[in-house]
Amino acid sequence: MITQTLSVPDISCGHCKMSIEGALSDLGGVTTAEVHVDPRTVDITWNEETVRLDAIIAAIEEQGYEVTR
């Protein structure tokens, strides 16, 4: 398992939180995804054998949010 915090500067409200958490929960291999409106981050834990970080970032970006590293 890998745990990482991603910066998502466009997070601004509860809708953002629900949108991102919903998209990440649909990915197989993601065990936890918690969005923090302030400081605009996403804490993610996932199984690296099942899903790659690129797929996680793509899922967030498909919701309309930019991920910065």
Protein backbone atom coordinates (compact mmCIF):
# COMPACT_ATOMS: atom_id res chain seq x y z
CA MET A 1 0.00 0.00 0.00
CA ILE A 2 1.08 3.53 -0.80
CA THR A 3 -0.19 6.65 0.94
CA GLN A 4 0.32 10.06 -0.63
CA THR A 5 -1.04 13.57 -0.38
CA LEU A 6 -1.79 15.38 -3.63
CA SER A 7 -2.28 19.12 -3.98
CA VAL A 8 -5.45 20.10 -5.85
CA PRO A 9 -5.60 23.92 -5.84
CA ASP A 10 -9.10 24.13 -7.38
CA ILE A 11 -10.84 22.47 -4.41
CA SER A 12 -13.15 25.07 -2.91
CA CYS A 13 -16.30 23.43 -1.54
CA GLY A 14 -18.17 20.36 -0.42
CA HIS A 15 -19.21 19.58 -3.99
CA CYS A 16 -15.55 19.38 -5.00
CA LYS A 17 -14.94 17.00 -2.11
CA MET A 18 -17.83 14.72 -3.07
CA SER A 19 -16.91 14.75 -6.77
CA ILE A 20 -13.27 13.79 -6.23
CA GLU A 21 -13.94 11.24 -3.49
CA GLY A 22 -16.64 9.62 -5.63
CA ALA A 23 -14.36 9.33 -8.65
CA LEU A 24 -11.54 7.84 -6.58
CA SER A 25 -13.81 5.36 -4.80
CA ASP A 26 -14.76 3.97 -8.23
CA LEU A 27 -11.13 3.04 -8.93
CA GLY A 28 -10.23 -0.50 -7.98
CA GLY A 29 -7.28 -0.54 -5.64
CA VAL A 30 -7.96 2.79 -3.91
CA THR A 31 -8.59 1.95 -0.26
CA THR A 32 -9.05 5.48 1.10
CA ALA A 33 -9.45 8.91 -0.43
CA GLU A 34 -10.06 11.92 1.76
CA VAL A 35 -10.39 15.41 0.32
CA HIS A 36 -9.55 18.39 2.51
CA VAL A 37 -11.16 21.63 1.28
CA ASP A 38 -8.64 23.64 3.25
CA PRO A 39 -5.61 23.12 2.60
CA ARG A 40 -6.89 21.87 -0.81
CA THR A 41 -5.32 18.43 -0.67
CA VAL A 42 -6.31 14.82 -1.23
CA ASP A 43 -4.96 12.03 0.99
CA ILE A 44 -5.00 8.73 -0.90
CA THR A 45 -4.05 5.18 0.02
CA TRP A 46 -3.94 2.62 -2.76
CA ASN A 47 -2.62 -0.79 -3.76
CA GLU A 48 0.19 -0.19 -6.24
CA GLU A 49 -0.36 -3.63 -7.78
CA THR A 50 -3.93 -2.73 -8.74
CA VAL A 51 -3.88 0.95 -9.69
CA ARG A 52 -1.17 3.40 -10.70
CA LEU A 53 -0.76 6.99 -9.55
CA ASP A 54 -1.29 8.16 -13.14
CA ALA A 55 -4.79 6.62 -13.11
CA ILE A 56 -5.58 8.33 -9.80
CA ILE A 57 -4.49 11.70 -11.13
CA ALA A 58 -6.45 11.13 -14.35
CA ALA A 59 -9.60 10.37 -12.34
CA ILE A 60 -9.24 13.66 -10.47
CA GLU A 61 -8.53 15.59 -13.66
CA GLU A 62 -11.57 14.03 -15.37
CA GLN A 63 -13.67 15.71 -12.69
CA GLY A 64 -12.25 19.07 -13.80
CA TYR A 65 -9.55 19.60 -11.18
CA GLU A 66 -5.84 20.14 -11.77
CA VAL A 67 -3.38 18.13 -9.68
CA THR A 68 -0.05 19.71 -8.85
CA ARG A 69 2.89 17.73 -7.57
